Protein backbone atom coordinates (compact mmCIF):
# COMPACT_ATOMS: atom_id res chain seq x y z
CA MET A 1 11.49 -4.96 -15.74
CA LYS A 2 11.44 -6.86 -12.43
CA LYS A 3 8.67 -7.92 -10.31
CA LEU A 4 8.32 -9.26 -6.67
CA ILE A 5 4.92 -10.73 -6.17
CA ILE A 6 3.69 -10.71 -2.30
CA PRO A 7 0.60 -12.55 -1.45
CA ILE A 8 -1.59 -11.33 1.42
CA SER A 9 -4.82 -11.90 2.64
CA VAL A 10 -7.53 -9.02 3.22
CA GLY A 11 -10.56 -10.06 4.88
CA ALA A 12 -12.04 -12.81 3.02
CA MET A 13 -10.25 -11.67 -0.34
CA SER A 14 -7.01 -13.25 -1.45
CA LEU A 15 -4.74 -10.27 -2.86
CA SER A 16 -1.23 -10.36 -4.28
CA PHE A 17 0.90 -7.26 -4.81
CA VAL A 18 3.42 -7.16 -7.32
CA ALA A 19 6.16 -4.71 -7.10
CA SER A 20 7.74 -3.43 -10.29
CA SER A 21 10.13 -0.95 -11.67
CA LYS A 22 10.84 0.27 -14.75
CA THR A 23 12.81 3.23 -16.56
CA SER A 24 12.53 5.31 -19.29
CA LYS A 25 14.07 8.50 -20.78
CA GLY A 26 13.13 12.07 -20.94
CA SER A 27 9.87 13.29 -19.34
CA ASP A 28 8.67 9.64 -18.64
CA ARG A 29 11.22 9.48 -16.13
CA LYS A 30 9.77 12.44 -14.17
CA ARG A 31 6.10 11.50 -14.87
CA TYR A 32 6.37 7.80 -13.72
CA SER A 33 7.53 6.73 -10.46
CA PRO A 34 8.25 2.85 -9.77
CA THR A 35 4.69 1.37 -9.34
CA THR A 36 3.12 -1.20 -7.36
CA HIS A 37 0.08 -3.39 -8.66
CA ILE A 38 -2.65 -5.13 -6.73
CA VAL A 39 -3.94 -8.28 -8.12
CA TYR A 40 -7.39 -8.78 -7.90
CA ASN A 41 -9.49 -11.40 -9.27
CA ASN A 42 -6.35 -12.40 -11.25
CA ALA A 43 -6.05 -8.74 -12.86
CA ALA A 44 -2.98 -6.79 -12.05
CA VAL A 45 -3.87 -3.20 -11.11
CA SER A 46 -1.59 -0.26 -10.96
CA THR A 47 -1.38 1.85 -7.81
CA GLY A 48 -0.46 5.57 -6.90
CA SER A 49 0.93 7.80 -9.49
CA GLY A 50 1.16 4.93 -11.99
CA LEU A 51 -2.73 4.36 -12.02
CA TYR A 52 -3.20 8.17 -11.95
CA TYR A 53 -1.55 8.57 -15.28
CA SER A 54 -2.59 5.28 -16.87
CA ILE A 55 -6.31 6.48 -16.50
CA GLY A 56 -5.12 9.83 -17.97
CA GLY A 57 -6.07 11.72 -14.82
CA ASP A 58 -4.15 14.66 -15.77
CA ALA A 59 -5.35 14.83 -19.26
CA VAL A 60 -9.26 15.09 -18.36
CA GLY A 61 -8.52 17.57 -15.45
CA LEU A 62 -8.82 15.07 -12.33
CA SER A 63 -6.81 16.80 -9.77
CA HIS A 64 -3.78 14.85 -8.54
CA GLU A 65 -4.27 15.76 -4.92
CA ALA A 66 -7.88 14.76 -5.05
CA PHE A 67 -6.87 11.39 -6.80
CA ASP A 68 -3.99 10.69 -4.07
CA ASN A 69 -6.35 11.15 -1.13
CA ALA A 70 -9.17 9.14 -2.71
CA TRP A 71 -6.56 6.38 -3.61
CA LYS A 72 -5.08 6.67 0.09
CA GLY A 73 -8.43 5.99 1.58
CA TYR A 74 -9.30 3.38 -0.82
CA GLN A 75 -6.34 1.34 -0.02
CA ARG A 76 -7.02 1.70 3.75
CA LEU A 77 -10.42 0.83 3.59
CA LEU A 78 -9.67 -2.10 1.21
CA ASN A 79 -7.13 -3.39 3.71
CA GLU A 80 -9.66 -3.03 6.54
CA GLY A 81 -12.25 -5.02 4.58
CA ARG A 82 -14.64 -2.24 4.39
CA ILE A 83 -15.37 -2.06 0.65
CA PRO A 84 -17.95 -4.83 -0.28
CA GLU A 85 -17.73 -3.96 -4.04
CA THR A 86 -14.03 -2.86 -4.88
CA ARG A 87 -13.96 -2.45 -8.65
CA TYR A 88 -15.14 1.27 -8.91
CA LEU A 89 -13.79 4.29 -7.02
CA THR A 90 -15.75 7.46 -7.59
CA ILE A 91 -14.27 10.82 -6.91
CA CYS A 92 -16.39 14.15 -6.57
CA ASP A 93 -14.03 17.02 -6.73
CA LEU A 94 -15.51 20.05 -5.36
CA SER A 95 -12.54 22.03 -5.48
CA VAL A 96 -13.29 23.29 -9.00
CA SER A 97 -15.88 25.16 -10.61
CA SER A 98 -19.33 23.47 -10.99
CA ARG A 99 -19.17 24.54 -14.55
CA LYS A 100 -16.41 21.71 -15.11
CA LYS A 101 -16.98 18.19 -15.22
CA ARG A 102 -15.54 17.07 -11.70
CA PHE A 103 -17.54 13.77 -11.28
CA PHE A 104 -15.16 10.77 -12.05
CA ILE A 105 -15.86 7.10 -11.99
CA ILE A 106 -12.54 5.14 -12.20
CA ASP A 107 -12.86 1.23 -13.28
CA VAL A 108 -9.81 0.25 -11.16
CA THR A 109 -9.56 -3.24 -12.19
CA ASN A 110 -9.39 -2.12 -15.80
CA GLU A 111 -7.60 0.99 -15.24
CA LYS A 112 -9.85 3.79 -17.01
CA ILE A 113 -12.23 6.54 -16.37
CA VAL A 114 -15.58 5.11 -17.41
CA THR A 115 -17.54 8.32 -16.53
CA GLN A 116 -16.73 11.94 -16.19
CA THR A 117 -19.74 14.40 -15.81
CA TRP A 118 -20.72 17.46 -14.09
CA VAL A 119 -22.11 17.33 -10.54
CA ALA A 120 -23.99 19.73 -8.20
CA HIS A 121 -22.62 20.90 -4.52
CA GLY A 122 -25.21 21.95 -1.78
CA GLN A 123 -27.15 25.21 -1.94
CA ASN A 124 -25.51 26.84 1.08
CA SER A 125 -22.02 25.19 0.42
CA GLY A 126 -21.49 27.99 -2.38
CA ALA A 127 -22.62 29.52 -5.77
CA GLU A 128 -20.21 28.59 -8.57
CA TYR A 129 -17.67 27.13 -5.90
CA ALA A 130 -18.23 24.98 -3.22
CA GLU A 131 -16.78 26.94 0.04
CA ARG A 132 -18.73 25.43 3.04
CA PHE A 133 -19.45 22.03 4.30
CA SER A 134 -21.52 20.44 7.00
CA ASN A 135 -22.59 17.26 8.41
CA GLN A 136 -25.76 18.80 10.22
CA PRO A 137 -29.30 18.27 8.99
CA GLU A 138 -30.97 20.92 7.34
CA SER A 139 -27.98 22.51 6.57
CA LEU A 140 -28.24 22.37 2.71
CA GLN A 141 -24.50 21.82 2.34
CA SER A 142 -22.27 19.24 1.03
CA SER A 143 -20.28 16.78 3.41
CA LEU A 144 -16.73 16.05 2.57
CA GLY A 145 -15.08 12.44 2.89
CA PHE A 146 -15.69 8.87 1.99
CA TYR A 147 -18.94 7.16 1.30
CA ILE A 148 -20.21 3.61 0.71
CA THR A 149 -22.98 3.19 -1.86
CA HIS A 150 -25.83 1.37 -0.75
CA ARG A 151 -29.27 0.41 -2.60
CA THR A 152 -31.30 2.25 -4.83
CA TYR A 153 -34.61 3.46 -4.30
CA THR A 154 -37.33 5.73 -6.61
CA GLY A 155 -38.33 9.06 -4.86
CA ASN A 156 -39.21 12.48 -5.69
CA ASN A 157 -36.09 12.79 -7.83
CA GLY A 158 -36.52 9.43 -9.54
CA LEU A 159 -34.05 6.63 -9.49
CA SER A 160 -31.70 7.58 -6.29
CA LEU A 161 -28.53 5.84 -4.46
CA ARG A 162 -28.47 5.82 -0.83
CA LEU A 163 -24.88 6.81 0.48
CA GLU A 164 -23.26 5.84 3.83
CA GLY A 165 -21.15 8.23 5.28
CA LEU A 166 -17.80 6.51 6.97
CA GLU A 167 -16.47 9.78 8.71
CA PRO A 168 -18.01 10.98 12.07
CA GLY A 169 -18.12 14.59 12.11
CA TYR A 170 -17.99 15.02 8.46
CA ASN A 171 -20.63 12.72 6.63
CA SER A 172 -21.73 10.35 9.31
CA LYS A 173 -25.23 11.69 9.05
CA ALA A 174 -25.95 11.24 5.36
CA MET A 175 -28.48 8.62 5.76
CA GLU A 176 -30.21 10.75 8.35
CA ARG A 177 -30.08 13.92 5.96
CA THR A 178 -30.94 11.45 2.89
CA ILE A 179 -27.79 12.50 1.11
CA VAL A 180 -28.15 10.53 -2.17
CA ILE A 181 -26.98 10.64 -5.81
CA HIS A 182 -29.71 11.40 -7.95
CA GLY A 183 -30.35 13.09 -11.38
CA ALA A 184 -31.45 16.70 -11.61
CA ASP A 185 -32.40 18.97 -14.48
CA TYR A 186 -30.34 21.74 -12.86
CA VAL A 187 -27.19 19.80 -13.74
CA ASP A 188 -26.68 19.81 -17.43
CA GLY A 189 -23.85 20.49 -19.84
CA ALA A 190 -26.08 23.22 -21.57
CA ARG A 191 -25.82 25.35 -18.40
CA ALA A 192 -21.95 25.11 -18.60
CA ARG A 193 -21.74 25.83 -22.26
CA ALA A 194 -23.88 28.74 -21.81
CA GLY A 195 -21.57 30.25 -19.43
CA TYR A 196 -23.70 29.44 -16.16
CA PHE A 197 -22.52 27.26 -13.23
CA MET A 198 -24.46 24.27 -12.00
CA GLY A 199 -27.76 24.49 -9.70
CA ARG A 200 -27.32 23.70 -6.19
CA SER A 201 -28.90 20.83 -4.17
CA TRP A 202 -29.97 20.36 -0.67
CA GLY A 203 -26.51 18.68 -0.08
CA CYS A 204 -26.84 15.73 -2.70
CA PRO A 205 -24.20 15.19 -5.28
CA ALA A 206 -26.89 15.49 -7.97
CA VAL A 207 -25.74 14.29 -11.50
CA PRO A 208 -27.32 15.05 -14.89
CA ARG A 209 -30.66 13.55 -15.17
CA LYS A 210 -30.25 11.95 -18.51
CA GLU A 211 -26.90 10.15 -16.98
CA ALA A 212 -28.33 9.28 -13.73
CA GLY A 213 -29.59 5.79 -14.40
CA LYS A 214 -26.20 4.59 -15.85
CA ILE A 215 -24.07 6.16 -13.23
CA ILE A 216 -26.24 4.94 -10.11
CA ASN A 217 -26.32 1.09 -11.78
CA THR A 218 -22.77 1.23 -12.03
CA ILE A 219 -21.64 2.39 -8.59
CA LYS A 220 -24.55 0.94 -6.54
CA ASN A 221 -24.42 -1.69 -3.71
CA GLY A 222 -20.94 -1.39 -2.09
CA THR A 223 -18.68 0.93 -4.08
CA LEU A 224 -16.60 3.76 -2.47
CA LEU A 225 -17.30 7.39 -3.22
CA PHE A 226 -14.99 10.30 -2.39
CA ILE A 227 -16.10 13.86 -1.91
CA TYR A 228 -12.91 16.10 -1.88
CA HIS A 229 -12.30 19.38 -1.15
CA PRO A 230 -8.70 20.98 0.35
CA GLY A 231 -10.46 23.78 2.57
CA GLY A 232 -11.05 23.45 6.13
CA ASP A 233 -9.79 20.83 8.41
CA TYR A 234 -11.00 17.75 6.73
CA LEU A 235 -7.62 16.43 5.22
CA GLN A 236 -6.14 17.08 8.42
CA LYS A 237 -8.44 15.43 10.74
CA SER A 238 -9.88 12.61 8.74
CA LYS A 239 -9.27 9.38 10.64
CA ILE A 240 -9.43 7.38 7.41
CA LEU A 241 -6.63 9.57 5.88
CA ASN A 242 -4.65 10.05 9.03
CA ASP A 243 -4.80 7.38 11.65
């Protein structure tokens, strides 16, 4: 394997990119493309398709398209110095049924998925499947795009995590709408096992109550969250994904 180390600076961070290529036989040649690594805090981390397969994204049902768009935005926002805490990338894939575990926390530094669980979408976004999205207050719909997590607080739903939407027109009113991550009794594996879809929130990505504390404390204070769906015009018009 040949490696080329390219040092760069991103804001206050010093990063190095390690471009590597490897060949293999049979299906591995088709499955793995040449990868690039980003060296962060002296740890080399795969990018692109290499990271997707190294975390087992295909095996756990993480959409490759959802991951690719999340990673594209993560790279751009990282390069712009807009991700205060870069270790974790969270993907909420609203393209699949709420009966499936569609909320993924990826430990980018250590190349693994540390959490996979259920998540609710907005009451007015759809029933089993999310189909409609809005940035407007009182819409009771989910909002697509990239968010930065903020501080926690304790409210009517217990421990909750504030979210700052980064995309005007799509999720920029998240703070105004109090779109937060919180635990909910209507999001639970027992519902899925019984053949029911998850209950719906007022637009928040609500997670199982018994898992909420661990999730919130893992990704609080500056990590990146991406809420994905291929419908509508978001993927074509997101400034983070297209400019």
